[in-house]
Amino acid sequence: MKRTPAPSKEATDEKADRSVLAVERTLSILDVFIGHQGPMKLRDIEEATGLFHSVILRYMITLERQRYIHRLADGSYQLGSRVYQLGATYEQQLDLGSYLIPTLEKIAAQTGESACFFKLEHERRLCLYRRESSQTLKVGMRAGISLPLDETCTSQVLREFSQDADWRSHSADTLVRHSSGIQDPWTASMSTPVFKADNRLLGALTISGPRFRFDVLDTGTQRLLLQEAISLSERLGSDYRPALPLLGSPPNA
């Protein structure tokens, strides 16, 4: 019996590459709908993706059949019900702690100070997660505590960024706030916003430490905090990507 030769590695790799390309094209088509107001015409999708009209049309037929895309009577397209189901499932399964806790641990380890995440709740600031400084003298606060809004940097972030629909309305040099001696005379803090998938405020990422040790004007620490907030926002689905201001290098402690 004559045996069929096995496909060469080159042929297998080429087939795999084509499969990956097909997935990337599909996702790039779906991505153009994110943040877009209203349905889109094929020419709009063609312009946004750089794909040929005929290629997009082939993908649209499959996406429509699977209910990821809905075609309207005028020939334009909008996201289908399957995308809504995916979004609802994501919301149900989202475990904020799995995103926030590693970030807080990293910040606390690199700065040697305590790191917290606050959420605005009923016009108060709720400490949702916290990682303590490893140092003997530190700022003490337990997760779950609810405090009134005041003039601390955390309150500034929660109050000011919750009022705006989009982070782009703020300049880069106002994204990191700092305060000293407001809640008590010995504490200094810096804080920056974290955004969720709809680009609205999720909460405030804050570093706190004793005033004699924690320098809220240190540009390296400011850069670390801002970088972690941007990374966290992106992983939560936001397109929060402000241009980083000219800050120093993050601490390596």
Protein backbone atom coordinates (compact mmCIF):
# COMPACT_ATOMS: atom_id res chain seq x y z
CA MET A 1 0.00 0.00 0.00
CA LYS A 2 1.39 3.32 -1.03
CA ARG A 3 1.89 5.70 1.89
CA THR A 4 1.05 9.38 1.60
CA PRO A 5 4.10 11.46 2.50
CA ALA A 6 3.78 13.65 5.57
CA PRO A 7 3.53 17.38 4.87
CA SER A 8 6.79 19.24 5.15
CA LYS A 9 7.50 21.49 8.12
CA GLU A 10 7.49 24.49 5.79
CA ALA A 11 4.00 23.62 4.53
CA THR A 12 2.72 23.11 8.08
CA ASP A 13 4.19 26.42 9.24
CA GLU A 14 2.71 28.23 6.24
CA LYS A 15 -0.74 26.81 6.99
CA ALA A 16 -0.43 27.84 10.65
CA ASP A 17 0.65 31.33 9.62
CA ARG A 18 -2.40 31.67 7.38
CA SER A 19 -4.65 30.57 10.25
CA VAL A 20 -3.12 33.15 12.59
CA LEU A 21 -3.47 35.83 9.91
CA ALA A 22 -7.16 34.98 9.52
CA VAL A 23 -7.72 35.39 13.27
CA GLU A 24 -5.82 38.68 13.31
CA ARG A 25 -7.88 40.01 10.41
CA THR A 26 -11.12 38.98 12.11
CA LEU A 27 -10.14 40.71 15.34
CA SER A 28 -8.99 43.84 13.50
CA ILE A 29 -12.43 44.10 11.88
CA LEU A 30 -14.22 43.75 15.22
CA ASP A 31 -11.82 46.22 16.85
CA VAL A 32 -12.84 49.09 14.56
CA PHE A 33 -16.30 49.09 16.16
CA ILE A 34 -14.86 49.79 19.62
CA GLY A 35 -15.62 53.38 20.55
CA HIS A 36 -17.33 54.06 17.20
CA GLN A 37 -20.71 55.76 17.42
CA GLY A 38 -23.32 54.10 15.21
CA PRO A 39 -23.15 51.55 12.37
CA MET A 40 -20.28 51.40 9.88
CA LYS A 41 -20.17 51.05 6.11
CA LEU A 42 -17.77 48.65 4.40
CA ARG A 43 -15.72 51.57 3.13
CA ASP A 44 -15.29 52.81 6.73
CA ILE A 45 -14.02 49.40 7.81
CA GLU A 46 -11.77 49.21 4.76
CA GLU A 47 -10.23 52.57 5.61
CA ALA A 48 -9.77 51.68 9.29
CA THR A 49 -8.24 48.23 8.74
CA GLY A 50 -6.38 48.63 5.45
CA LEU A 51 -7.97 45.38 4.20
CA PHE A 52 -9.46 45.06 0.72
CA HIS A 53 -13.22 45.43 0.28
CA SER A 54 -13.56 41.84 -1.00
CA VAL A 55 -11.60 40.44 1.96
CA ILE A 56 -13.72 42.30 4.50
CA LEU A 57 -16.91 41.16 2.82
CA ARG A 58 -15.88 37.49 3.11
CA TYR A 59 -15.16 37.87 6.81
CA MET A 60 -18.40 39.78 7.36
CA ILE A 61 -20.44 36.91 5.94
CA THR A 62 -18.99 34.54 8.54
CA LEU A 63 -19.23 37.07 11.39
CA GLU A 64 -22.86 37.76 10.52
CA ARG A 65 -23.66 34.06 10.41
CA GLN A 66 -22.13 33.62 13.89
CA ARG A 67 -24.00 36.72 15.22
CA TYR A 68 -20.85 38.73 15.95
CA ILE A 69 -21.96 41.25 13.31
CA HIS A 70 -25.46 42.42 12.39
CA ARG A 71 -26.14 43.76 8.89
CA LEU A 72 -28.74 46.53 8.68
CA ALA A 73 -31.22 47.11 5.86
CA ASP A 74 -29.13 49.94 4.39
CA GLY A 75 -26.08 47.65 4.09
CA SER A 76 -24.20 49.06 7.06
CA TYR A 77 -22.96 46.94 9.95
CA GLN A 78 -23.06 47.01 13.73
CA LEU A 79 -21.89 44.60 16.43
CA GLY A 80 -24.15 41.59 16.89
CA SER A 81 -25.76 39.99 19.92
CA ARG A 82 -22.91 37.52 20.40
CA VAL A 83 -20.55 40.36 21.26
CA TYR A 84 -23.00 41.60 23.89
CA GLN A 85 -23.10 38.10 25.39
CA LEU A 86 -19.31 38.02 25.54
CA GLY A 87 -19.26 41.41 27.26
CA ALA A 88 -21.87 40.37 29.81
CA THR A 89 -19.96 37.17 30.55
CA TYR A 90 -16.74 39.17 30.98
CA GLU A 91 -18.48 41.44 33.51
CA GLN A 92 -19.81 38.43 35.45
CA GLN A 93 -16.45 36.67 35.53
CA LEU A 94 -14.28 39.73 36.16
CA ASP A 95 -12.26 39.31 39.34
CA LEU A 96 -10.77 42.73 40.05
CA GLY A 97 -8.53 41.31 42.75
CA SER A 98 -6.67 39.15 40.23
CA TYR A 99 -5.69 42.35 38.39
CA LEU A 100 -5.26 44.76 41.28
CA ILE A 101 -3.46 42.72 43.93
CA PRO A 102 -0.37 41.86 41.79
CA THR A 103 -0.11 45.54 40.82
CA LEU A 104 -0.27 46.66 44.46
CA GLU A 105 2.30 44.04 45.45
CA LYS A 106 4.67 45.24 42.73
CA ILE A 107 4.33 48.89 43.74
CA ALA A 108 4.81 48.12 47.45
CA ALA A 109 7.88 46.01 46.70
CA GLN A 110 9.51 48.62 44.44
CA THR A 111 8.79 51.67 46.59
CA GLY A 112 8.95 50.19 50.08
CA GLU A 113 5.68 51.99 50.89
CA SER A 114 2.03 50.93 51.19
CA ALA A 115 -0.11 50.73 48.05
CA CYS A 116 -3.92 50.93 47.94
CA PHE A 117 -6.78 50.94 45.48
CA PHE A 118 -9.75 53.17 46.26
CA LYS A 119 -13.20 53.25 44.68
CA LEU A 120 -15.78 56.04 44.82
CA GLU A 121 -18.88 54.80 46.63
CA HIS A 122 -21.76 56.98 47.85
CA GLU A 123 -19.57 60.10 47.74
CA ARG A 124 -16.96 58.41 49.94
CA ARG A 125 -13.63 56.71 49.20
CA LEU A 126 -13.66 52.98 49.84
CA CYS A 127 -10.32 51.18 50.25
CA LEU A 128 -10.97 48.09 48.15
CA TYR A 129 -7.51 46.47 48.20
CA ARG A 130 -4.27 47.22 50.04
CA ARG A 131 -0.73 45.94 50.31
CA GLU A 132 1.28 47.08 53.32
CA SER A 133 4.83 48.35 53.35
CA SER A 134 7.37 45.82 54.60
CA GLN A 135 8.94 48.50 56.78
CA THR A 136 8.26 48.74 60.52
CA LEU A 137 7.06 52.33 60.35
CA LYS A 138 4.29 52.60 57.77
CA VAL A 139 0.90 54.12 57.06
CA GLY A 140 -1.76 51.83 58.50
CA MET A 141 -5.15 51.38 56.85
CA ARG A 142 -7.26 48.28 56.43
CA ALA A 143 -9.01 47.19 53.25
CA GLY A 144 -12.74 47.82 53.46
CA ILE A 145 -12.54 51.12 55.32
CA SER A 146 -14.75 53.94 53.99
CA LEU A 147 -13.60 57.53 54.43
CA PRO A 148 -15.14 60.88 53.49
CA LEU A 149 -13.86 62.75 50.47
CA ASP A 150 -11.43 65.49 51.50
CA GLU A 151 -8.45 67.23 49.92
CA THR A 152 -6.13 64.22 49.90
CA CYS A 153 -4.77 63.22 46.49
CA THR A 154 -6.98 60.10 46.46
CA SER A 155 -10.08 62.22 46.97
CA GLN A 156 -8.91 64.64 44.27
CA VAL A 157 -8.62 61.80 41.75
CA LEU A 158 -11.96 60.20 42.65
CA ARG A 159 -13.81 63.49 42.64
CA GLU A 160 -12.33 65.09 39.52
CA PHE A 161 -11.95 62.11 37.17
CA SER A 162 -15.39 60.67 37.96
CA GLN A 163 -16.99 63.82 36.53
CA ASP A 164 -15.50 63.44 33.04
CA ALA A 165 -16.55 60.92 30.41
CA ASP A 166 -13.06 60.64 28.93
CA TRP A 167 -9.49 60.79 30.27
CA ARG A 168 -8.41 62.81 27.23
CA SER A 169 -9.89 65.93 28.80
CA HIS A 170 -6.97 65.95 31.26
CA SER A 171 -3.38 66.90 30.44
CA ALA A 172 -0.64 64.37 31.24
CA ASP A 173 0.89 66.52 33.97
CA THR A 174 -2.35 66.40 36.01
CA LEU A 175 -2.68 62.61 36.01
CA VAL A 176 -0.59 62.08 39.16
CA ARG A 177 -1.76 63.99 42.24
CA HIS A 178 0.04 64.26 45.57
CA SER A 179 -0.75 65.55 49.07
CA SER A 180 0.91 65.71 52.49
CA GLY A 181 -0.35 66.20 56.04
CA ILE A 182 -4.07 66.41 55.21
CA GLN A 183 -5.62 63.32 56.77
CA ASP A 184 -2.94 63.34 59.46
CA PRO A 185 0.21 65.46 59.82
CA TRP A 186 2.62 62.55 59.29
CA THR A 187 1.33 61.01 56.05
CA ALA A 188 2.21 61.75 52.41
CA SER A 189 0.53 60.19 49.36
CA MET A 190 0.43 60.21 45.57
CA SER A 191 -2.48 58.95 43.50
CA THR A 192 -3.50 58.44 39.87
CA PRO A 193 -6.68 57.23 38.12
CA VAL A 194 -7.41 53.76 36.72
CA PHE A 195 -9.99 53.42 33.96
CA LYS A 196 -12.28 50.55 32.93
CA ALA A 197 -13.44 49.29 29.53
CA ASP A 198 -15.82 52.20 28.86
CA ASN A 199 -12.96 54.65 29.62
CA ARG A 200 -14.73 55.86 32.74
CA LEU A 201 -13.05 55.95 36.13
CA LEU A 202 -12.69 52.65 37.96
CA GLY A 203 -10.80 54.01 40.96
CA ALA A 204 -7.61 55.54 42.31
CA LEU A 205 -4.23 53.82 42.65
CA THR A 206 -2.43 55.33 45.66
CA ILE A 207 0.96 55.09 47.38
CA SER A 208 1.23 56.29 51.00
CA GLY A 209 4.12 56.61 53.42
CA PRO A 210 5.53 58.67 56.30
CA ARG A 211 6.31 62.24 55.24
CA PHE A 212 9.91 62.11 56.44
CA ARG A 213 10.62 59.13 54.14
CA PHE A 214 8.18 59.22 51.22
CA ASP A 215 8.93 62.00 48.74
CA VAL A 216 5.75 62.72 46.78
CA LEU A 217 7.73 64.88 44.34
CA ASP A 218 10.04 62.03 43.32
CA THR A 219 9.53 61.74 39.57
CA GLY A 220 10.69 58.12 39.41
CA THR A 221 7.94 57.02 41.81
CA GLN A 222 5.41 59.14 39.93
CA ARG A 223 6.42 57.40 36.70
CA LEU A 224 6.10 53.95 38.27
CA LEU A 225 2.61 54.74 39.58
CA LEU A 226 1.46 56.15 36.24
CA GLN A 227 2.92 53.25 34.24
CA GLU A 228 1.18 50.70 36.47
CA ALA A 229 -2.14 52.56 36.22
CA ILE A 230 -1.88 52.65 32.42
CA SER A 231 -1.00 48.95 32.26
CA LEU A 232 -3.85 48.06 34.62
CA SER A 233 -6.35 50.14 32.64
CA GLU A 234 -5.30 48.49 29.37
CA ARG A 235 -5.68 45.00 30.86
CA LEU A 236 -9.18 45.95 32.03
CA GLY A 237 -10.14 46.96 28.48
CA SER A 238 -9.57 50.72 28.48
CA ASP A 239 -7.68 52.52 25.72
CA TYR A 240 -6.07 54.74 28.38
CA ARG A 241 -2.68 55.49 26.82
CA PRO A 242 -1.62 59.02 27.73
CA ALA A 243 1.77 60.27 26.67
CA LEU A 244 4.06 59.86 29.65
CA PRO A 245 5.36 63.20 30.94
CA LEU A 246 9.10 63.66 31.33
CA LEU A 247 9.59 61.83 34.61
CA GLY A 248 12.53 60.01 36.17
CA SER A 249 13.25 56.28 36.20
CA PRO A 250 11.05 54.10 38.46
CA PRO A 251 12.65 52.89 41.72
CA ASN A 252 14.22 49.42 41.66
CA ALA A 253 13.92 48.67 45.36
